[in-house]
Amino acid sequence: MGVLNYVQSGRAAAITPSDTVNIPSVSGGTNTEGCILYVGGTGVVKVLTIGGDQVFFHGVPAGTTLQVRVLRVFSTGTTATNIVALW
């Protein structure tokens, strides 16, 4: 597996947090490489990382890009809004 560089993203899509469904791949289907997140509205973001960790990011300010590769944003525990997946 090569090194991914997410300094500049080429694709983006608004996501709906879910406790059961992962963020799809940028081309559709299964997302195994993850994506990073832009958070448009302040709050808490609970994610599942590509390493299988469930993590809460507390106090995320509006306009933040989380530089963590994630597979899922959980609806339970996430209060931030306007979350966009970046690939």
PDB file of N, CA and C in Angstrom:
ATOM      1  N   MET A   1       0.852  -1.169   0.000  1.00  0.00           N
ATOM      2  CA  MET A   1       0.000   0.000   0.000  1.00  0.00           C
ATOM      3  C   MET A   1       0.895   1.228   0.000  1.00  0.00           C
ATOM      4  N   GLY A   2       0.602   2.155  -0.878  1.00  0.00           N
ATOM      5  CA  GLY A   2       1.388   3.367  -0.988  1.00  0.00           C
ATOM      6  C   GLY A   2       0.992   4.403   0.043  1.00  0.00           C
ATOM      7  N   VAL A   3       1.784   5.428   0.143  1.00  0.00           N
ATOM      8  CA  VAL A   3       1.512   6.534   1.048  1.00  0.00           C
ATOM      9  C   VAL A   3       0.491   7.461   0.392  1.00  0.00           C
ATOM     10  N   LEU A   4      -0.552   7.792   1.116  1.00  0.00           N
ATOM     11  CA  LEU A   4      -1.562   8.703   0.596  1.00  0.00           C
ATOM     12  C   LEU A   4      -1.255  10.113   1.053  1.00  0.00           C
ATOM     13  N   ASN A   5      -1.415  11.063   0.153  1.00  0.00           N
ATOM     14  CA  ASN A   5      -1.181  12.456   0.479  1.00  0.00           C
ATOM     15  C   ASN A   5      -2.511  13.199   0.392  1.00  0.00           C
ATOM     16  N   TYR A   6      -3.047  13.603   1.543  1.00  0.00           N
ATOM     17  CA  TYR A   6      -4.326  14.285   1.576  1.00  0.00           C
ATOM     18  C   TYR A   6      -4.169  15.783   1.798  1.00  0.00           C
ATOM     19  N   VAL A   7      -3.031  16.361   1.381  1.00  0.00           N
ATOM     20  CA  VAL A   7      -2.831  17.790   1.532  1.00  0.00           C
ATOM     21  C   VAL A   7      -3.826  18.542   0.655  1.00  0.00           C
ATOM     22  N   GLN A   8      -4.021  18.057  -0.560  1.00  0.00           N
ATOM     23  CA  GLN A   8      -5.009  18.638  -1.461  1.00  0.00           C
ATOM     24  C   GLN A   8      -5.928  17.526  -1.935  1.00  0.00           C
ATOM     25  N   SER A   9      -7.216  17.748  -1.783  1.00  0.00           N
ATOM     26  CA  SER A   9      -8.192  16.749  -2.168  1.00  0.00           C
ATOM     27  C   SER A   9      -8.690  17.022  -3.575  1.00  0.00           C
ATOM     28  N   GLY A  10      -8.994  15.955  -4.277  1.00  0.00           N
ATOM     29  CA  GLY A  10      -9.508  16.081  -5.626  1.00  0.00           C
ATOM     30  C   GLY A  10     -11.004  15.841  -5.724  1.00  0.00           C
ATOM     31  N   ARG A  11     -11.576  15.252  -4.671  1.00  0.00           N
ATOM     32  CA  ARG A  11     -13.006  14.946  -4.662  1.00  0.00           C
ATOM     33  C   ARG A  11     -13.573  15.283  -3.288  1.00  0.00           C
ATOM     34  N   ALA A  12     -14.885  15.559  -3.262  1.00  0.00           N
ATOM     35  CA  ALA A  12     -15.561  15.887  -2.007  1.00  0.00           C
ATOM     36  C   ALA A  12     -17.023  15.490  -2.103  1.00  0.00           C
ATOM     37  N   ALA A  13     -17.613  15.115  -0.960  1.00  0.00           N
ATOM     38  CA  ALA A  13     -19.040  14.782  -0.918  1.00  0.00           C
ATOM     39  C   ALA A  13     -19.559  14.997   0.492  1.00  0.00           C
ATOM     40  N   ALA A  14     -20.734  15.607   0.578  1.00  0.00           N
ATOM     41  CA  ALA A  14     -21.387  15.744   1.884  1.00  0.00           C
ATOM     42  C   ALA A  14     -21.739  14.355   2.384  1.00  0.00           C
ATOM     43  N   ILE A  15     -21.611  14.148   3.701  1.00  0.00           N
ATOM     44  CA  ILE A  15     -21.939  12.841   4.254  1.00  0.00           C
ATOM     45  C   ILE A  15     -23.029  12.959   5.299  1.00  0.00           C
ATOM     46  N   THR A  16     -23.725  11.856   5.488  1.00  0.00           N
ATOM     47  CA  THR A  16     -24.723  11.735   6.538  1.00  0.00           C
ATOM     48  C   THR A  16     -24.168  10.778   7.582  1.00  0.00           C
ATOM     49  N   PRO A  17     -23.963  11.244   8.815  1.00  0.00           N
ATOM     50  CA  PRO A  17     -23.466  10.336   9.853  1.00  0.00           C
ATOM     51  C   PRO A  17     -24.386   9.133  10.027  1.00  0.00           C
ATOM     52  N   SER A  18     -23.791   7.970  10.311  1.00  0.00           N
ATOM     53  CA  SER A  18     -24.536   6.732  10.495  1.00  0.00           C
ATOM     54  C   SER A  18     -23.811   5.840  11.489  1.00  0.00           C
ATOM     55  N   ASP A  19     -24.569   5.149  12.318  1.00  0.00           N
ATOM     56  CA  ASP A  19     -23.966   4.210  13.271  1.00  0.00           C
ATOM     57  C   ASP A  19     -23.650   2.862  12.627  1.00  0.00           C
ATOM     58  N   THR A  20     -24.149   2.614  11.401  1.00  0.00           N
ATOM     59  CA  THR A  20     -23.994   1.302  10.783  1.00  0.00           C
ATOM     60  C   THR A  20     -23.375   1.310   9.393  1.00  0.00           C
ATOM     61  N   VAL A  21     -23.383   2.453   8.711  1.00  0.00           N
ATOM     62  CA  VAL A  21     -22.935   2.500   7.318  1.00  0.00           C
ATOM     63  C   VAL A  21     -21.659   3.321   7.191  1.00  0.00           C
ATOM     64  N   ASN A  22     -20.643   2.717   6.557  1.00  0.00           N
ATOM     65  CA  ASN A  22     -19.399   3.437   6.298  1.00  0.00           C
ATOM     66  C   ASN A  22     -19.578   4.444   5.164  1.00  0.00           C
ATOM     67  N   ILE A  23     -18.698   5.420   5.111  1.00  0.00           N
ATOM     68  CA  ILE A  23     -18.671   6.384   4.008  1.00  0.00           C
ATOM     69  C   ILE A  23     -18.267   5.610   2.757  1.00  0.00           C
ATOM     70  N   PRO A  24     -19.030   5.703   1.672  1.00  0.00           N
ATOM     71  CA  PRO A  24     -18.664   4.955   0.461  1.00  0.00           C
ATOM     72  C   PRO A  24     -17.348   5.441  -0.125  1.00  0.00           C
ATOM     73  N   SER A  25     -16.778   4.628  -0.976  1.00  0.00           N
ATOM     74  CA  SER A  25     -15.592   5.023  -1.719  1.00  0.00           C
ATOM     75  C   SER A  25     -15.931   6.202  -2.621  1.00  0.00           C
ATOM     76  N   VAL A  26     -14.950   6.989  -2.969  1.00  0.00           N
ATOM     77  CA  VAL A  26     -15.159   8.127  -3.855  1.00  0.00           C
ATOM     78  C   VAL A  26     -15.735   7.671  -5.197  1.00  0.00           C
ATOM     79  N   SER A  27     -15.442   6.451  -5.604  1.00  0.00           N
ATOM     80  CA  SER A  27     -15.954   5.925  -6.871  1.00  0.00           C
ATOM     81  C   SER A  27     -17.140   4.991  -6.666  1.00  0.00           C
ATOM     82  N   GLY A  28     -17.653   4.923  -5.435  1.00  0.00           N
ATOM     83  CA  GLY A  28     -18.740   4.005  -5.118  1.00  0.00           C
ATOM     84  C   GLY A  28     -18.180   2.703  -4.569  1.00  0.00           C
ATOM     85  N   GLY A  29     -18.989   1.957  -3.868  1.00  0.00           N
ATOM     86  CA  GLY A  29     -18.539   0.678  -3.317  1.00  0.00           C
ATOM     87  C   GLY A  29     -17.849   0.846  -1.976  1.00  0.00           C
ATOM     88  N   THR A  30     -17.013  -0.132  -1.644  1.00  0.00           N
ATOM     89  CA  THR A  30     -16.370  -0.195  -0.336  1.00  0.00           C
ATOM     90  C   THR A  30     -15.214   0.781  -0.221  1.00  0.00           C
ATOM     91  N   ASN A  31     -15.156   1.482   0.902  1.00  0.00           N
ATOM     92  CA  ASN A  31     -14.092   2.449   1.180  1.00  0.00           C
ATOM     93  C   ASN A  31     -13.113   1.815   2.160  1.00  0.00           C
ATOM     94  N   THR A  32     -11.953   1.382   1.678  1.00  0.00           N
ATOM     95  CA  THR A  32     -10.956   0.781   2.563  1.00  0.00           C
ATOM     96  C   THR A  32      -9.803   1.727   2.873  1.00  0.00           C
ATOM     97  N   GLU A  33      -9.638   2.774   2.077  1.00  0.00           N
ATOM     98  CA  GLU A  33      -8.538   3.717   2.264  1.00  0.00           C
ATOM     99  C   GLU A  33      -8.914   4.877   3.171  1.00  0.00           C
ATOM    100  N   GLY A  34     -10.219   5.064   3.413  1.00  0.00           N
ATOM    101  CA  GLY A  34     -10.681   6.154   4.255  1.00  0.00           C
ATOM    102  C   GLY A  34     -10.659   7.495   3.536  1.00  0.00           C
ATOM    103  N   CYS A  35     -11.101   8.489   4.241  1.00  0.00           N
ATOM    104  CA  CYS A  35     -11.106   9.859   3.738  1.00  0.00           C
ATOM    105  C   CYS A  35     -10.824  10.768   4.929  1.00  0.00           C
ATOM    106  N   ILE A  36     -10.527  12.023   4.649  1.00  0.00           N
ATOM    107  CA  ILE A  36     -10.426  12.990   5.733  1.00  0.00           C
ATOM    108  C   ILE A  36     -11.712  13.790   5.738  1.00  0.00           C
ATOM    109  N   LEU A  37     -11.934  14.572   6.779  1.00  0.00           N
ATOM    110  CA  LEU A  37     -13.205  15.265   6.947  1.00  0.00           C
ATOM    111  C   LEU A  37     -13.023  16.761   7.086  1.00  0.00           C
ATOM    112  N   TYR A  38     -13.910  17.488   6.426  1.00  0.00           N
ATOM    113  CA  TYR A  38     -14.065  18.914   6.679  1.00  0.00           C
ATOM    114  C   TYR A  38     -15.303  19.052   7.546  1.00  0.00           C
ATOM    115  N   VAL A  39     -15.186  19.803   8.645  1.00  0.00           N
ATOM    116  CA  VAL A  39     -16.304  20.001   9.568  1.00  0.00           C
ATOM    117  C   VAL A  39     -16.751  21.456   9.463  1.00  0.00           C
ATOM    118  N   GLY A  40     -17.964  21.658   8.957  1.00  0.00           N
ATOM    119  CA  GLY A  40     -18.471  23.003   8.731  1.00  0.00           C
ATOM    120  C   GLY A  40     -19.128  23.644   9.929  1.00  0.00           C
ATOM    121  N   GLY A  41     -19.664  22.824  10.850  1.00  0.00           N
ATOM    122  CA  GLY A  41     -20.352  23.352  12.029  1.00  0.00           C
ATOM    123  C   GLY A  41     -19.761  22.794  13.305  1.00  0.00           C
ATOM    124  N   THR A  42     -19.465  23.650  14.251  1.00  0.00           N
ATOM    125  CA  THR A  42     -18.803  23.307  15.509  1.00  0.00           C
ATOM    126  C   THR A  42     -19.496  22.169  16.247  1.00  0.00           C
ATOM    127  N   GLY A  43     -18.700  21.318  16.905  1.00  0.00           N
ATOM    128  CA  GLY A  43     -19.270  20.264  17.740  1.00  0.00           C
ATOM    129  C   GLY A  43     -18.319  19.112  17.955  1.00  0.00           C
ATOM    130  N   VAL A  44     -18.917  17.967  18.286  1.00  0.00           N
ATOM    131  CA  VAL A  44     -18.193  16.718  18.530  1.00  0.00           C
ATOM    132  C   VAL A  44     -18.325  15.842  17.292  1.00  0.00           C
ATOM    133  N   VAL A  45     -17.234  15.162  16.930  1.00  0.00           N
ATOM    134  CA  VAL A  45     -17.268  14.217  15.817  1.00  0.00           C
ATOM    135  C   VAL A  45     -16.763  12.876  16.336  1.00  0.00           C
ATOM    136  N   LYS A  46     -17.603  11.841  16.204  1.00  0.00           N
ATOM    137  CA  LYS A  46     -17.185  10.481  16.558  1.00  0.00           C
ATOM    138  C   LYS A  46     -16.952   9.721  15.267  1.00  0.00           C
ATOM    139  N   VAL A  47     -15.749   9.126  15.126  1.00  0.00           N
ATOM    140  CA  VAL A  47     -15.384   8.451  13.884  1.00  0.00           C
ATOM    141  C   VAL A  47     -14.873   7.037  14.141  1.00  0.00           C
ATOM    142  N   LEU A  48     -14.867   6.258  13.063  1.00  0.00           N
ATOM    143  CA  LEU A  48     -14.189   4.971  13.006  1.00  0.00           C
ATOM    144  C   LEU A  48     -13.016   5.155  12.054  1.00  0.00           C
ATOM    145  N   THR A  49     -11.798   4.974  12.562  1.00  0.00           N
ATOM    146  CA  THR A  49     -10.604   5.162  11.731  1.00  0.00           C
ATOM    147  C   THR A  49     -10.347   3.916  10.882  1.00  0.00           C
ATOM    148  N   ILE A  50      -9.458   4.052   9.891  1.00  0.00           N
ATOM    149  CA  ILE A  50      -9.131   2.888   9.073  1.00  0.00           C
ATOM    150  C   ILE A  50      -8.428   1.810   9.888  1.00  0.00           C
ATOM    151  N   GLY A  51      -7.894   2.170  11.047  1.00  0.00           N
ATOM    152  CA  GLY A  51      -7.262   1.201  11.931  1.00  0.00           C
ATOM    153  C   GLY A  51      -8.238   0.506  12.865  1.00  0.00           C
ATOM    154  N   GLY A  52      -9.534   0.877  12.777  1.00  0.00           N
ATOM    155  CA  GLY A  52     -10.548   0.235  13.603  1.00  0.00           C
ATOM    156  C   GLY A  52     -10.810   0.911  14.938  1.00  0.00           C
ATOM    157  N   ASP A  53     -10.254   2.098  15.148  1.00  0.00           N
ATOM    158  CA  ASP A  53     -10.445   2.821  16.403  1.00  0.00           C
ATOM    159  C   ASP A  53     -11.697   3.687  16.347  1.00  0.00           C
ATOM    160  N   GLN A  54     -12.498   3.649  17.408  1.00  0.00           N
ATOM    161  CA  GLN A  54     -13.613   4.581  17.558  1.00  0.00           C
ATOM    162  C   GLN A  54     -13.127   5.722  18.439  1.00  0.00           C
ATOM    163  N   VAL A  55     -13.160   6.939  17.890  1.00  0.00           N
ATOM    164  CA  VAL A  55     -12.577   8.087  18.569  1.00  0.00           C
ATOM    165  C   VAL A  55     -13.544   9.261  18.547  1.00  0.00           C
ATOM    166  N   PHE A  56     -13.617   9.992  19.677  1.00  0.00           N
ATOM    167  CA  PHE A  56     -14.365  11.246  19.747  1.00  0.00           C
ATOM    168  C   PHE A  56     -13.395  12.406  19.579  1.00  0.00           C
ATOM    169  N   PHE A  57     -13.733  13.348  18.723  1.00  0.00           N
ATOM    170  CA  PHE A  57     -13.018  14.619  18.632  1.00  0.00           C
ATOM    171  C   PHE A  57     -13.954  15.660  19.229  1.00  0.00           C
ATOM    172  N   HIS A  58     -13.591  16.174  20.393  1.00  0.00           N
ATOM    173  CA  HIS A  58     -14.426  17.135  21.117  1.00  0.00           C
ATOM    174  C   HIS A  58     -14.027  18.564  20.777  1.00  0.00           C
ATOM    175  N   GLY A  59     -15.012  19.448  20.735  1.00  0.00           N
ATOM    176  CA  GLY A  59     -14.743  20.873  20.536  1.00  0.00           C
ATOM    177  C   GLY A  59     -14.154  21.210  19.185  1.00  0.00           C
ATOM    178  N   VAL A  60     -14.563  20.500  18.148  1.00  0.00           N
ATOM    179  CA  VAL A  60     -14.041  20.782  16.812  1.00  0.00           C
ATOM    180  C   VAL A  60     -14.655  22.093  16.314  1.00  0.00           C
ATOM    181  N   PRO A  61     -13.835  23.088  16.019  1.00  0.00           N
ATOM    182  CA  PRO A  61     -14.374  24.366  15.545  1.00  0.00           C
ATOM    183  C   PRO A  61     -14.862  24.274  14.093  1.00  0.00           C
ATOM    184  N   ALA A  62     -15.805  25.114  13.762  1.00  0.00           N
ATOM    185  CA  ALA A  62     -16.269  25.199  12.376  1.00  0.00           C
ATOM    186  C   ALA A  62     -15.100  25.533  11.457  1.00  0.00           C
ATOM    187  N   GLY A  63     -15.064  24.896  10.309  1.00  0.00           N
ATOM    188  CA  GLY A  63     -14.007  25.157   9.337  1.00  0.00           C
ATOM    189  C   GLY A  63     -12.770  24.302   9.506  1.00  0.00           C
ATOM    190  N   THR A  64     -12.847  23.284  10.347  1.00  0.00           N
ATOM    191  CA  THR A  64     -11.696  22.418  10.619  1.00  0.00           C
ATOM    192  C   THR A  64     -11.634  21.257   9.639  1.00  0.00           C
ATOM    193  N   THR A  65     -10.428  20.901   9.220  1.00  0.00           N
ATOM    194  CA  THR A  65     -10.206  19.672   8.474  1.00  0.00           C
ATOM    195  C   THR A  65      -9.500  18.699   9.407  1.00  0.00           C
ATOM    196  N   LEU A  66     -10.152  17.552   9.657  1.00  0.00           N
ATOM    197  CA  LEU A  66      -9.561  16.525  10.517  1.00  0.00           C
ATOM    198  C   LEU A  66      -8.648  15.655   9.667  1.00  0.00           C
ATOM    199  N   GLN A  67      -7.360  15.667   9.971  1.00  0.00           N
ATOM    200  CA  GLN A  67      -6.359  14.940   9.198  1.00  0.00           C
ATOM    201  C   GLN A  67      -6.208  13.512   9.711  1.00  0.00           C
ATOM    202  N   VAL A  68      -7.324  12.803   9.778  1.00  0.00           N
ATOM    203  CA  VAL A  68      -7.356  11.409  10.210  1.00  0.00           C
ATOM    204  C   VAL A  68      -8.158  10.652   9.165  1.00  0.00           C
ATOM    205  N   ARG A  69      -7.637   9.541   8.672  1.00  0.00           N
ATOM    206  CA  ARG A  69      -8.369   8.763   7.665  1.00  0.00           C
ATOM    207  C   ARG A  69      -9.466   7.962   8.345  1.00  0.00           C
ATOM    208  N   VAL A  70     -10.696   8.228   7.941  1.00  0.00           N
ATOM    209  CA  VAL A  70     -11.854   7.622   8.592  1.00  0.00           C
ATOM    210  C   VAL A  70     -12.699   6.824   7.604  1.00  0.00           C
ATOM    211  N   LEU A  71     -13.380   5.827   8.164  1.00  0.00           N
ATOM    212  CA  LEU A  71     -14.309   5.012   7.391  1.00  0.00           C
ATOM    213  C   LEU A  71     -15.758   5.383   7.672  1.00  0.00           C
ATOM    214  N   ARG A  72     -16.025   5.896   8.882  1.00  0.00           N
ATOM    215  CA  ARG A  72     -17.403   6.178   9.278  1.00  0.00           C
ATOM    216  C   ARG A  72     -17.434   7.365  10.232  1.00  0.00           C
ATOM    217  N   VAL A  73     -18.498   8.153  10.111  1.00  0.00           N
ATOM    218  CA  VAL A  73     -18.831   9.169  11.105  1.00  0.00           C
ATOM    219  C   VAL A  73     -20.117   8.684  11.765  1.00  0.00           C
ATOM    220  N   PHE A  74     -20.067   8.481  13.063  1.00  0.00           N
ATOM    221  CA  PHE A  74     -21.213   7.959  13.800  1.00  0.00           C
ATOM    222  C   PHE A  74     -22.260   9.049  14.025  1.00  0.00           C
ATOM    223  N   SER A  75     -23.532   8.668  13.917  1.00  0.00           N
ATOM    224  CA  SER A  75     -24.596   9.629  14.214  1.00  0.00           C
ATOM    225  C   SER A  75     -24.733   9.813  15.719  1.00  0.00           C
ATOM    226  N   THR A  76     -24.593   8.710  16.471  1.00  0.00           N
ATOM    227  CA  THR A  76     -24.650   8.796  17.928  1.00  0.00           C
ATOM    228  C   THR A  76     -23.327   9.351  18.440  1.00  0.00           C
ATOM    229  N   GLY A  77     -23.378  10.469  19.106  1.00  0.00           N
ATOM    230  CA  GLY A  77     -22.172  11.084  19.653  1.00  0.00           C
ATOM    231  C   GLY A  77     -21.638  12.226  18.806  1.00  0.00           C
ATOM    232  N   THR A  78     -22.107  12.347  17.560  1.00  0.00           N
ATOM    233  CA  THR A  78     -21.653  13.442  16.692  1.00  0.00           C
ATOM    234  C   THR A  78     -22.664  14.581  16.756  1.00  0.00           C
ATOM    235  N   THR A  79     -22.170  15.770  17.132  1.00  0.00           N
ATOM    236  CA  THR A  79     -23.036  16.950  17.176  1.00  0.00           C
ATOM    237  C   THR A  79     -22.628  17.988  16.128  1.00  0.00           C
ATOM    238  N   ALA A  80     -21.437  17.836  15.562  1.00  0.00           N
ATOM    239  CA  ALA A  80     -20.980  18.753  14.510  1.00  0.00           C
ATOM    240  C   ALA A  80     -21.861  18.577  13.275  1.00  0.00           C
ATOM    241  N   THR A  81     -21.916  19.617  12.458  1.00  0.00           N
ATOM    242  CA  THR A  81     -22.766  19.593  11.263  1.00  0.00           C
ATOM    243  C   THR A  81     -21.970  19.937  10.018  1.00  0.00           C
ATOM    244  N   ASN A  82     -22.630  19.786   8.887  1.00  0.00           N
ATOM    245  CA  ASN A  82     -22.034  20.136   7.586  1.00  0.00           C
ATOM    246  C   ASN A  82     -20.683  19.460   7.379  1.00  0.00           C
ATOM    247  N   ILE A  83     -20.670  18.140   7.558  1.00  0.00           N
ATOM    248  CA  ILE A  83     -19.434  17.358   7.426  1.00  0.00           C
ATOM    249  C   ILE A  83     -19.295  16.903   5.983  1.00  0.00           C
ATOM    250  N   VAL A  84     -18.096  17.084   5.443  1.00  0.00           N
ATOM    251  CA  VAL A  84     -17.811  16.742   4.059  1.00  0.00           C
ATOM    252  C   VAL A  84     -16.615  15.782   4.026  1.00  0.00           C
ATOM    253  N   ALA A  85     -16.770  14.694   3.278  1.00  0.00           N
ATOM    254  CA  ALA A  85     -15.667  13.745   3.067  1.00  0.00           C
ATOM    255  C   ALA A  85     -14.782  14.281   1.946  1.00  0.00           C
ATOM    256  N   LEU A  86     -13.478  14.184   2.143  1.00  0.00           N
ATOM    257  CA  LEU A  86     -12.493  14.639   1.150  1.00  0.00           C
ATOM    258  C   LEU A  86     -11.574  13.478   0.784  1.00  0.00           C
ATOM    259  N   TRP A  87     -11.368  13.294  -0.534  1.00  0.00           N
ATOM    260  CA  TRP A  87     -10.475  12.245  -1.013  1.00  0.00           C
ATOM    261  C   TRP A  87      -9.426  12.851  -1.887  1.00  0.00           C
TER     262      TRP A  87
END
